[in-house]
Amino acid sequence: GPCTECSCSSGKETDKNTSNSKKKGNGDQPFIPKIFFGTRTHKQISQITRELKKTVYSTVPMTILSSRDYTCIHPAVSGSGSNRNEMCVELLEGKHGKSCLYYHGVHKLSERHALQSAHRVYQAWDIEDLVSLGKKLRACPYFAARELMVGADIVFCPYNYLLDPQIRESMEINLKGQVVILDEAHNIEDCARESVSYGVTENQLRAAREEIDFMVNNNIRQKDHEPLRAVCCSL
C-alpha cells in the first residue's frame, strides 16, 4: 500500500522539506547531511578506512576525530605521561610564555587535503597517515582533523564523540539532520553508561573530606557543607 509514515506519501510535505533544506544551506545550496560513523575503538576506524580505500567512494572528503593521545605531535606534550589535554590548552593560552608552533601550522595540513580533493587525487586516509603528514609539514593533526570536518562528507570517530554531550560540544558536533551509523551497536549500552559515570579514588575522597571539615569548622556555608561531608564519610 501507499507509504504513510514519511514525507514521500505527500507531495506537499516533500516540497516543504525541500524548501527547509535549502534554507539550511548556504544561499540556494541544498543542505547535504554528513555521515557520522561511530566505532568502539580507534583500531576499528583503521580497518574501516582501509576498506573505504577499496571502494569507488575512496575519494569522498572525510576526516577522523580522535584524542590528542593519538594525534598530538608536540614533543613535550606527546612525550609526557601527564594530562595531554591540559598541557595542550596551556600551550595554546601561552601560560608559561610558550606557544605551540604546530597549532599555528594547521592550515598547511587542512589546505593540502583541500587541494588534493580539488584535483580529485583525494584518497581515504588513516590517523597514522595524518600524523605522518603533520610531522612532515610541522602542523597539528588534532586541530587539522577538526577543521577538515567542515568540508567532510563522512566523519569517523569513537562512540563517545557522538554519545557524550560534553565531547559533542567541545568538538562542535551537531547531529541534527545528519546521518549516524554505529558499528557494532551492541556495545553502545556500555559506552553510554561510561559517558555518565565518574570514578574517584579513596585519596580524593579523603582530601575532599578534609577540605569540607575545614569549611564546617570555620563556619563557611556550614549548612551546605555538612551534607557533603556526610556523603564523603558514607562513601
Protein backbone atom coordinates (compact mmCIF):
# COMPACT_ATOMS: atom_id res chain seq x y z
CA GLY A 1 0.00 0.00 0.00
CA PRO A 2 0.97 3.67 -0.11
CA CYS A 3 3.61 4.90 2.33
CA THR A 4 2.00 6.87 5.16
CA GLU A 5 4.86 7.29 7.62
CA CYS A 6 7.25 9.55 5.71
CA SER A 7 7.29 12.65 3.52
CA CYS A 8 7.07 10.71 0.25
CA SER A 9 3.38 9.98 0.96
CA SER A 10 2.53 13.62 0.31
CA GLY A 11 3.81 15.91 -2.42
CA LYS A 12 3.22 18.93 -0.21
CA GLU A 13 5.34 17.51 2.58
CA THR A 14 8.15 16.80 0.17
CA ASP A 15 8.07 20.37 -1.14
CA LYS A 16 8.06 21.67 2.42
CA ASN A 17 11.08 19.59 3.37
CA THR A 18 12.92 20.66 0.24
CA SER A 19 12.38 24.34 0.97
CA ASN A 20 13.57 23.85 4.55
CA SER A 21 16.70 22.07 3.39
CA LYS A 22 17.59 24.97 1.10
CA LYS A 23 17.30 27.42 3.99
CA LYS A 24 19.79 25.39 5.98
CA GLY A 25 22.43 25.56 3.28
CA ASN A 26 24.46 28.50 2.01
CA GLY A 27 22.23 30.64 -0.23
CA ASP A 28 20.29 28.41 -2.59
CA GLN A 29 22.51 25.39 -1.99
CA PRO A 30 20.58 22.44 -0.51
CA PHE A 31 21.60 21.14 2.90
CA ILE A 32 23.63 17.95 2.46
CA PRO A 33 23.91 15.86 5.63
CA LYS A 34 27.20 14.43 6.81
CA ILE A 35 27.67 10.77 7.72
CA PHE A 36 28.99 10.28 11.26
CA PHE A 37 30.42 6.77 11.53
CA GLY A 38 30.97 5.75 15.16
CA THR A 39 33.13 2.80 16.21
CA ARG A 40 34.15 1.28 19.52
CA THR A 41 37.93 1.68 19.13
CA HIS A 42 40.43 3.63 17.06
CA LYS A 43 41.73 0.34 15.66
CA GLN A 44 38.33 -0.31 14.09
CA ILE A 45 38.50 3.09 12.38
CA SER A 46 41.74 1.95 10.74
CA GLN A 47 40.03 -1.17 9.46
CA ILE A 48 37.08 0.80 8.07
CA THR A 49 39.21 3.40 6.28
CA ARG A 50 41.27 0.59 4.78
CA GLU A 51 38.08 -0.91 3.36
CA LEU A 52 36.92 2.52 2.18
CA LYS A 53 40.05 2.82 0.03
CA LYS A 54 38.94 -0.27 -1.92
CA THR A 55 35.61 1.26 -2.92
CA VAL A 56 34.58 3.84 -5.52
CA TYR A 57 33.97 6.24 -2.61
CA SER A 58 37.65 6.41 -1.66
CA THR A 59 37.84 10.00 -2.97
CA VAL A 60 34.97 11.28 -0.80
CA PRO A 61 36.15 14.07 1.58
CA MET A 62 36.48 12.61 5.08
CA THR A 63 38.07 13.15 8.45
CA ILE A 64 38.80 11.20 11.62
CA LEU A 65 38.19 12.70 15.06
CA SER A 66 40.41 11.31 17.77
CA SER A 67 42.05 12.33 21.02
CA ARG A 68 45.37 14.09 21.47
CA ASP A 69 46.79 10.76 22.66
CA TYR A 70 46.71 9.63 19.02
CA THR A 71 47.28 12.88 17.13
CA CYS A 72 49.44 15.26 19.20
CA ILE A 73 52.93 15.64 17.70
CA HIS A 74 54.34 18.28 20.07
CA PRO A 75 57.44 16.63 21.63
CA ALA A 76 56.86 17.99 25.14
CA VAL A 77 53.16 17.08 25.21
CA SER A 78 53.14 13.77 23.34
CA GLY A 79 56.14 12.51 25.32
CA SER A 80 54.59 13.41 28.66
CA GLY A 81 52.76 10.94 30.87
CA SER A 82 50.55 13.68 32.36
CA ASN A 83 47.27 15.07 31.05
CA ARG A 84 47.92 15.99 27.41
CA ASN A 85 44.67 17.95 27.12
CA GLU A 86 45.67 20.31 29.93
CA MET A 87 49.20 20.73 28.60
CA CYS A 88 47.84 21.50 25.13
CA VAL A 89 45.47 24.14 26.48
CA GLU A 90 48.30 25.74 28.48
CA LEU A 91 50.43 25.99 25.33
CA LEU A 92 47.57 27.48 23.32
CA GLU A 93 46.96 30.07 26.05
CA GLY A 94 50.68 30.79 26.36
CA LYS A 95 50.57 30.50 30.14
CA HIS A 96 54.32 29.93 30.51
CA GLY A 97 55.39 32.22 27.70
CA LYS A 98 55.48 29.35 25.21
CA SER A 99 53.12 28.60 22.35
CA CYS A 100 52.57 25.62 20.04
CA LEU A 101 54.16 26.16 16.64
CA TYR A 102 52.36 23.06 15.32
CA TYR A 103 48.98 24.63 16.06
CA HIS A 104 49.89 27.71 14.02
CA GLY A 105 50.66 25.43 11.06
CA VAL A 106 47.25 23.74 10.98
CA HIS A 107 46.31 25.45 7.70
CA LYS A 108 49.21 23.69 5.95
CA LEU A 109 47.58 20.36 6.64
CA SER A 110 43.94 21.25 6.03
CA GLU A 111 44.72 23.19 2.83
CA ARG A 112 46.82 20.33 1.49
CA HIS A 113 43.86 17.96 1.85
CA ALA A 114 41.55 20.55 0.27
CA LEU A 115 43.96 20.84 -2.68
CA GLN A 116 44.07 17.07 -3.10
CA SER A 117 40.27 16.95 -3.08
CA ALA A 118 40.01 19.69 -5.71
CA HIS A 119 42.33 17.79 -8.04
CA ARG A 120 40.48 14.52 -7.46
CA VAL A 121 43.51 12.78 -6.00
CA TYR A 122 41.96 12.68 -2.53
CA GLN A 123 42.26 9.22 -1.02
CA ALA A 124 40.81 7.77 2.16
CA TRP A 125 43.40 8.10 4.91
CA ASP A 126 44.04 6.85 8.42
CA ILE A 127 45.13 8.58 11.64
CA GLU A 128 48.72 7.41 11.07
CA ASP A 129 48.70 8.99 7.60
CA LEU A 130 47.54 12.33 9.01
CA VAL A 131 50.09 12.22 11.85
CA SER A 132 52.89 11.38 9.41
CA LEU A 133 51.91 14.27 7.15
CA GLY A 134 51.58 16.56 10.18
CA LYS A 135 55.15 15.80 11.26
CA LYS A 136 56.38 16.44 7.73
CA LEU A 137 54.62 19.80 7.47
CA ARG A 138 55.06 20.66 11.18
CA ALA A 139 51.29 21.05 11.51
CA CYS A 140 48.94 19.80 14.25
CA PRO A 141 46.92 16.73 13.11
CA TYR A 142 44.48 17.06 16.03
CA PHE A 143 43.15 20.51 15.06
CA ALA A 144 43.55 19.84 11.34
CA ALA A 145 41.18 16.87 11.61
CA ARG A 146 38.64 19.15 13.30
CA GLU A 147 38.96 21.76 10.55
CA LEU A 148 38.54 19.07 7.89
CA MET A 149 35.18 18.17 9.45
CA VAL A 150 33.66 21.32 7.93
CA GLY A 151 34.06 20.07 4.36
CA ALA A 152 33.91 16.34 5.06
CA ASP A 153 31.08 14.14 3.79
CA ILE A 154 31.92 11.35 6.23
CA VAL A 155 33.33 11.71 9.74
CA PHE A 156 34.81 8.73 11.58
CA CYS A 157 35.04 8.83 15.38
CA PRO A 158 34.72 6.68 18.52
CA TYR A 159 31.25 6.15 20.03
CA ASN A 160 31.72 8.61 22.88
CA TYR A 161 32.22 11.52 20.48
CA LEU A 162 28.58 11.04 19.47
CA LEU A 163 27.09 9.92 22.79
CA ASP A 164 28.79 12.18 25.32
CA PRO A 165 27.20 15.68 25.24
CA GLN A 166 30.32 17.35 26.64
CA ILE A 167 32.55 15.88 23.93
CA ARG A 168 30.00 16.79 21.25
CA GLU A 169 30.01 20.37 22.47
CA SER A 170 33.80 20.64 22.70
CA MET A 171 34.24 19.11 19.22
CA GLU A 172 31.40 21.26 17.82
CA ILE A 173 29.47 18.23 16.56
CA ASN A 174 25.86 18.92 15.61
CA LEU A 175 23.95 15.73 14.80
CA LYS A 176 20.66 17.39 13.87
CA GLY A 177 19.69 16.34 10.35
CA GLN A 178 22.85 14.23 9.95
CA VAL A 179 23.25 10.52 9.23
CA VAL A 180 24.62 8.49 12.15
CA ILE A 181 25.98 4.97 11.68
CA LEU A 182 27.08 2.97 14.73
CA ASP A 183 29.32 -0.02 14.07
CA GLU A 184 28.74 -2.99 16.40
CA ALA A 185 25.95 -1.08 18.13
CA HIS A 186 25.52 -3.75 20.82
CA ASN A 187 28.43 -2.01 22.58
CA ILE A 188 26.51 1.27 22.83
CA GLU A 189 24.98 0.43 26.23
CA ASP A 190 28.38 0.14 27.91
CA CYS A 191 29.64 3.31 26.21
CA ALA A 192 26.55 5.27 27.26
CA ARG A 193 26.98 4.06 30.85
CA GLU A 194 30.63 5.15 30.85
CA SER A 195 29.69 8.58 29.47
CA VAL A 196 27.57 9.35 32.53
CA SER A 197 29.86 7.66 35.06
CA TYR A 198 32.70 9.11 37.08
CA GLY A 199 35.39 7.44 39.13
CA VAL A 200 37.03 8.75 42.31
CA THR A 201 39.83 7.30 44.43
CA GLU A 202 39.89 6.90 48.19
CA ASN A 203 42.63 9.53 48.42
CA GLN A 204 40.45 12.01 46.55
CA LEU A 205 37.58 11.35 48.95
CA ARG A 206 39.85 11.81 51.97
CA ALA A 207 41.18 15.09 50.58
CA ALA A 208 37.63 16.30 49.87
CA ARG A 209 36.54 15.39 53.41
CA GLU A 210 39.48 17.31 54.92
CA GLU A 211 38.63 20.40 52.90
CA ILE A 212 34.95 20.16 53.86
CA ASP A 213 35.92 19.69 57.53
CA PHE A 214 37.90 22.94 57.27
CA MET A 215 34.85 24.71 55.81
CA VAL A 216 32.49 23.42 58.51
CA ASN A 217 34.88 24.14 61.39
CA ASN A 218 35.32 27.72 60.16
CA ASN A 219 31.56 28.28 59.70
CA ILE A 220 31.85 28.70 55.93
CA ARG A 221 28.39 27.89 54.49
CA GLN A 222 28.07 25.25 57.18
CA LYS A 223 24.55 24.17 56.18
CA ASP A 224 25.72 23.43 52.64
CA HIS A 225 28.93 21.63 53.54
CA GLU A 226 27.69 19.37 56.34
CA PRO A 227 25.58 17.20 53.97
CA LEU A 228 28.55 16.94 51.59
CA ARG A 229 30.76 15.82 54.44
CA ALA A 230 28.21 13.16 55.34
CA VAL A 231 28.28 11.87 51.74
CA CYS A 232 32.08 11.68 51.74
CA CYS A 233 32.13 9.85 55.06
CA SER A 234 29.47 7.37 53.92
CA LEU A 235 31.43 6.57 50.78
